[in-house]
């Protein structure tokens, strides 16, 4: 019951980002199904020869317990979840140590995979060009003025029209955003960042993506107010250069190899158990 209670507590946070008591009936059924499968896998991992040689340092255990506590707004809510899961602190520590042993075994298994080189990454890059196509994007700034009635709207319109005529250069636009804009981005000079299509309000996108570098739009209206938008940079579509993505490909392929090695090792443990139980 205690192990089941901890597994339910852990999976509830992993799957749904909330405690077991907050789960709906369908979520509870899903959790129970995942828990049954995971418990069987974990038992096979812990029954391996590799697991017998694993020792979890006390500092590592303490750090993981602290991470679990931090998921809760208060110590009382943490204690309440333990109580509902029928777990004492000693039960929790034992279960978390079990988790850490499993992680250590799987890390050891994964450590045997061959390292991924930049040559491997470049081969992947050339074989999967579609994965590195970059859609057109723009670095944009804006100034937003909101309004509650027609009079305020007219005043905002005149203000933005006046600003639009005088703002030459990104620094002057940024200063004006800080003084006038009613968007939180005002603190960053009105910076919207790198924007791709379908990330702006539909009423703003056509004008924003028609701008040339250093050009400022006419006054535009969106559901939240009136805007003027400035284009700082156009990032054209096309394939990302290998120099920009090579290290990320290495990381991605390394993670893939590690997961595959762990999965194959777990399958082998299951096969061993099945063979041992056969008549």
Protein backbone atom coordinates (compact mmCIF):
# COMPACT_ATOMS: atom_id res chain seq x y z
CA UNK A 1 0.00 0.00 0.00
CA UNK A 2 2.83 2.39 0.86
CA UNK A 3 4.69 1.83 -2.40
CA UNK A 4 1.43 2.17 -4.33
CA UNK A 5 0.69 5.40 -2.47
CA UNK A 6 4.05 6.89 -3.41
CA UNK A 7 3.79 5.80 -7.04
CA UNK A 8 0.36 7.40 -7.23
CA UNK A 9 1.74 10.59 -5.70
CA UNK A 10 4.69 10.70 -8.08
CA UNK A 11 2.75 9.89 -11.25
CA UNK A 12 -0.01 12.32 -10.37
CA UNK A 13 2.51 15.16 -10.49
CA UNK A 14 4.35 13.81 -13.54
CA UNK A 15 1.22 13.21 -15.62
CA UNK A 16 -1.15 15.94 -14.46
CA UNK A 17 0.92 18.46 -12.46
CA UNK A 18 -1.31 18.11 -9.39
CA UNK A 19 -1.77 15.94 -6.32
CA UNK A 20 -3.78 12.67 -6.33
CA UNK A 21 -6.76 14.17 -4.49
CA UNK A 22 -7.25 16.70 -7.29
CA UNK A 23 -7.57 14.06 -10.04
CA UNK A 24 -10.77 13.49 -11.96
CA UNK A 25 -12.14 9.96 -12.37
CA UNK A 26 -10.68 9.52 -15.90
CA UNK A 27 -7.34 10.86 -14.70
CA UNK A 28 -7.38 8.41 -11.81
CA UNK A 29 -8.02 5.47 -14.17
CA UNK A 30 -5.15 6.61 -16.40
CA UNK A 31 -2.85 6.94 -13.41
CA UNK A 32 -3.72 3.44 -12.17
CA UNK A 33 -3.03 1.94 -15.59
CA UNK A 34 0.35 3.69 -15.90
CA UNK A 35 1.24 2.77 -12.32
CA UNK A 36 0.65 -0.94 -12.91
CA UNK A 37 2.89 -0.97 -15.96
CA UNK A 38 5.60 1.14 -14.37
CA UNK A 39 5.68 -0.91 -11.19
CA UNK A 40 6.35 -4.07 -13.22
CA UNK A 41 9.21 -2.41 -15.10
CA UNK A 42 10.74 -0.97 -11.93
CA UNK A 43 10.71 -4.35 -10.20
CA UNK A 44 12.68 -5.86 -13.08
CA UNK A 45 15.21 -3.02 -12.98
CA UNK A 46 15.70 -3.38 -9.23
CA UNK A 47 16.07 -7.13 -9.59
CA UNK A 48 19.03 -6.78 -11.95
CA UNK A 49 22.66 -7.36 -11.06
CA UNK A 50 23.40 -3.72 -11.87
CA UNK A 51 20.96 -2.49 -9.22
CA UNK A 52 22.61 -4.54 -6.48
CA UNK A 53 25.75 -2.43 -6.74
CA UNK A 54 24.05 0.97 -6.56
CA UNK A 55 24.33 3.14 -3.45
CA UNK A 56 22.42 6.43 -3.20
CA UNK A 57 24.36 9.23 -1.41
CA UNK A 58 22.47 10.86 1.47
CA UNK A 59 22.93 14.33 -0.07
CA UNK A 60 21.32 13.18 -3.32
CA UNK A 61 18.34 11.78 -1.44
CA UNK A 62 17.95 14.97 0.61
CA UNK A 63 18.03 17.12 -2.54
CA UNK A 64 15.30 15.05 -4.21
CA UNK A 65 13.07 15.22 -1.11
CA UNK A 66 13.54 19.01 -1.13
CA UNK A 67 12.46 19.13 -4.80
CA UNK A 68 9.26 17.27 -3.93
CA UNK A 69 8.50 19.64 -1.06
CA UNK A 70 8.87 22.63 -3.38
CA UNK A 71 5.96 21.46 -5.53
CA UNK A 72 3.60 22.43 -2.73
CA UNK A 73 2.64 25.98 -1.75
CA UNK A 74 2.98 25.14 1.94
CA UNK A 75 4.29 22.50 4.33
CA UNK A 76 0.72 21.79 5.43
CA UNK A 77 -0.37 20.88 1.90
CA UNK A 78 2.68 18.65 1.53
CA UNK A 79 1.86 16.86 4.80
CA UNK A 80 -1.79 16.50 3.78
CA UNK A 81 -0.87 14.82 0.49
CA UNK A 82 1.40 12.40 2.37
CA UNK A 83 -1.43 11.60 4.77
CA UNK A 84 -3.92 11.00 1.97
CA UNK A 85 -1.39 8.75 0.22
CA UNK A 86 -0.87 6.86 3.50
CA UNK A 87 2.81 7.74 3.55
CA UNK A 88 5.06 8.73 6.43
CA UNK A 89 8.25 10.69 5.82
CA UNK A 90 10.19 7.46 6.30
CA UNK A 91 8.03 5.80 3.64
CA UNK A 92 8.63 8.71 1.28
CA UNK A 93 12.38 8.65 1.79
CA UNK A 94 12.50 4.88 1.16
CA UNK A 95 10.43 5.22 -2.00
CA UNK A 96 12.49 8.15 -3.30
CA UNK A 97 15.70 6.24 -2.63
CA UNK A 98 14.22 3.42 -4.71
CA UNK A 99 13.58 5.89 -7.53
CA UNK A 100 17.13 7.17 -7.37
CA UNK A 101 18.51 3.64 -7.52
CA UNK A 102 16.48 3.03 -10.67
CA UNK A 103 17.72 6.26 -12.21
CA UNK A 104 21.31 5.36 -11.37
CA UNK A 105 20.96 1.96 -13.04
CA UNK A 106 19.47 3.46 -16.19
CA UNK A 107 22.16 6.18 -16.28
CA UNK A 108 24.81 3.47 -16.07
CA UNK A 109 23.18 1.54 -18.91
CA UNK A 110 22.99 4.70 -21.02
CA UNK A 111 26.63 5.57 -20.33
CA UNK A 112 27.74 2.66 -22.52
CA UNK A 113 26.33 4.12 -25.76
CA UNK A 114 28.88 5.46 -28.27
CA UNK A 115 29.39 9.21 -28.19
CA UNK A 116 27.71 11.23 -30.94
CA UNK A 117 30.19 13.30 -32.96
CA UNK A 118 29.69 16.41 -35.03
CA UNK A 119 30.22 14.18 -38.08
CA UNK A 120 27.25 12.06 -36.98
CA UNK A 121 25.26 15.24 -36.47
CA UNK A 122 26.12 16.58 -39.92
CA UNK A 123 25.09 13.30 -41.56
CA UNK A 124 21.73 13.56 -39.77
CA UNK A 125 21.45 17.21 -40.83
CA UNK A 126 21.98 16.35 -44.49
CA UNK A 127 19.63 13.36 -44.42
CA UNK A 128 16.78 15.34 -42.77
CA UNK A 129 16.87 18.79 -44.39
CA UNK A 130 13.14 19.35 -43.82
CA UNK A 131 13.70 19.31 -40.06
CA UNK A 132 15.84 22.44 -40.26
CA UNK A 133 13.74 24.66 -42.47
CA UNK A 134 13.11 27.99 -40.80
CA UNK A 135 9.93 29.94 -41.64
CA UNK A 136 10.20 33.68 -42.16
CA UNK A 137 10.34 35.59 -38.91
CA UNK A 138 10.75 39.18 -37.81
CA UNK A 139 12.08 40.97 -34.78
CA UNK A 140 9.36 43.44 -33.89
CA UNK A 141 8.65 46.20 -31.39
CA UNK A 142 5.33 47.85 -30.71
CA UNK A 143 3.63 50.61 -28.79
CA UNK A 144 0.17 49.79 -27.45
CA UNK A 145 -2.44 52.26 -26.24
CA UNK A 146 -5.68 50.93 -24.77
CA UNK A 147 -9.05 52.69 -24.56
CA UNK A 148 -12.43 52.28 -22.87
CA UNK A 149 -14.56 54.56 -25.03
CA UNK A 150 -14.60 56.39 -28.35
CA UNK A 151 -13.09 59.54 -26.89
CA UNK A 152 -10.10 57.64 -25.48
CA UNK A 153 -9.76 55.75 -28.76
CA UNK A 154 -9.57 58.98 -30.74
CA UNK A 155 -6.96 60.38 -28.35
CA UNK A 156 -4.89 57.18 -28.61
CA UNK A 157 -5.14 57.28 -32.40
CA UNK A 158 -3.85 60.87 -32.58
CA UNK A 159 -1.02 60.08 -30.14
CA UNK A 160 0.18 57.09 -32.15
CA UNK A 161 -0.10 58.92 -35.45
CA UNK A 162 2.01 61.71 -34.03
CA UNK A 163 4.61 59.33 -32.63
CA UNK A 164 4.82 57.39 -35.88
CA UNK A 165 6.02 60.48 -37.76
CA UNK A 166 8.83 61.29 -35.34
CA UNK A 167 10.33 57.91 -34.34
CA UNK A 168 13.44 57.36 -36.44
CA UNK A 169 15.65 54.52 -35.28
CA UNK A 170 15.08 51.66 -32.84
CA UNK A 171 16.44 53.57 -29.83
CA UNK A 172 13.95 56.42 -30.20
CA UNK A 173 11.14 53.92 -30.71
CA UNK A 174 12.24 52.03 -27.59
CA UNK A 175 12.31 55.25 -25.56
CA UNK A 176 8.81 56.14 -26.77
CA UNK A 177 7.55 52.66 -25.91
CA UNK A 178 8.89 53.05 -22.38
CA UNK A 179 7.11 56.40 -21.99
CA UNK A 180 3.82 55.69 -23.72
CA UNK A 181 3.10 51.98 -24.25
CA UNK A 182 0.54 50.32 -22.00
CA UNK A 183 1.92 46.85 -22.68
CA UNK A 184 4.32 45.10 -20.25
CA UNK A 185 6.83 45.02 -23.12
CA UNK A 186 7.27 48.76 -22.58
CA UNK A 187 9.92 47.93 -19.97
CA UNK A 188 11.92 46.29 -22.77
CA UNK A 189 11.50 49.07 -25.30
CA UNK A 190 8.33 47.54 -26.73
CA UNK A 191 10.22 44.44 -27.85
CA UNK A 192 7.96 41.61 -29.05
CA UNK A 193 10.99 39.48 -29.90
CA UNK A 194 11.28 37.08 -32.82
CA UNK A 195 7.79 36.63 -34.20
CA UNK A 196 6.58 34.07 -36.74
CA UNK A 197 3.30 33.93 -38.56
CA UNK A 198 0.21 33.08 -36.50
CA UNK A 199 1.80 34.44 -33.33
CA UNK A 200 0.23 37.90 -33.58
CA UNK A 201 -3.40 38.94 -33.55
CA UNK A 202 -4.89 38.31 -36.98
CA UNK A 203 -5.55 42.03 -37.36
CA UNK A 204 -1.85 42.81 -36.91
CA UNK A 205 -0.09 40.04 -38.83
CA UNK A 206 -0.53 41.17 -42.47
CA UNK A 207 0.82 44.65 -41.78
CA UNK A 208 3.62 43.40 -39.53
CA UNK A 209 4.89 40.95 -42.15
CA UNK A 210 4.70 43.54 -44.90
CA UNK A 211 7.08 45.91 -43.10
CA UNK A 212 10.61 46.51 -44.32
CA UNK A 213 13.50 46.79 -41.86
CA UNK A 214 13.27 50.05 -39.84
CA UNK A 215 9.74 50.68 -41.13
CA UNK A 216 6.85 51.54 -38.78
CA UNK A 217 3.30 50.45 -39.49
CA UNK A 218 0.24 52.63 -39.68
CA UNK A 219 -1.91 52.61 -36.56
CA UNK A 220 -3.48 49.14 -36.22
CA UNK A 221 -6.34 47.96 -34.05
CA UNK A 222 -6.44 44.61 -32.25
CA UNK A 223 -8.80 43.25 -29.57
CA UNK A 224 -6.62 44.86 -26.87
CA UNK A 225 -6.14 48.34 -28.32
CA UNK A 226 -4.28 50.41 -30.90
CA UNK A 227 -0.71 49.68 -31.96
CA UNK A 228 2.13 50.88 -34.08
CA UNK A 229 4.68 48.18 -34.94
CA UNK A 230 8.33 48.57 -35.90
CA UNK A 231 10.41 45.96 -37.76
CA UNK A 232 13.96 45.75 -36.41
CA UNK A 233 15.08 42.74 -38.47
CA UNK A 234 13.78 40.28 -41.05
CA UNK A 235 14.89 36.67 -40.64
CA UNK A 236 14.24 35.10 -44.05
CA UNK A 237 12.98 31.59 -44.51
CA UNK A 238 15.45 28.87 -45.48
CA UNK A 239 17.51 26.13 -43.94
CA UNK A 240 19.23 26.84 -40.64
CA UNK A 241 23.03 26.61 -41.07
CA UNK A 242 24.68 23.54 -39.59
CA UNK A 243 26.95 25.74 -37.46
CA UNK A 244 23.85 27.01 -35.70
CA UNK A 245 22.23 23.63 -35.02
CA UNK A 246 25.11 21.15 -34.87
CA UNK A 247 25.45 21.04 -31.08
CA UNK A 248 21.69 20.71 -30.64
CA UNK A 249 21.66 17.76 -33.05
CA UNK A 250 24.43 16.13 -31.02
CA UNK A 251 22.34 16.54 -27.86
CA UNK A 252 19.21 15.21 -29.57
CA UNK A 253 20.96 12.14 -31.03
CA UNK A 254 22.71 11.48 -27.71
CA UNK A 255 19.37 11.52 -25.87
CA UNK A 256 17.88 9.22 -28.52
CA UNK A 257 20.73 6.72 -28.24
CA UNK A 258 20.50 6.75 -24.45
CA UNK A 259 16.73 6.12 -24.50
CA UNK A 260 17.12 3.30 -27.01
CA UNK A 261 19.87 1.66 -24.95
CA UNK A 262 17.74 1.87 -21.81
CA UNK A 263 14.67 0.51 -23.58
CA UNK A 264 16.62 -2.44 -25.07
CA UNK A 265 18.18 -3.22 -21.70
CA UNK A 266 14.77 -3.21 -19.96
CA UNK A 267 13.38 -5.52 -22.66
CA UNK A 268 16.30 -7.86 -22.04
CA UNK A 269 15.53 -7.91 -18.30
CA UNK A 270 11.91 -8.81 -19.07
CA UNK A 271 13.06 -11.59 -21.40
CA UNK A 272 15.36 -13.00 -18.73
CA UNK A 273 12.52 -13.06 -16.19
CA UNK A 274 10.14 -14.74 -18.63
CA UNK A 275 12.75 -17.36 -19.48
CA UNK A 276 13.46 -18.04 -15.81
CA UNK A 277 9.75 -18.58 -15.07
CA UNK A 278 9.16 -20.88 -18.06
CA UNK A 279 8.58 -24.56 -17.18
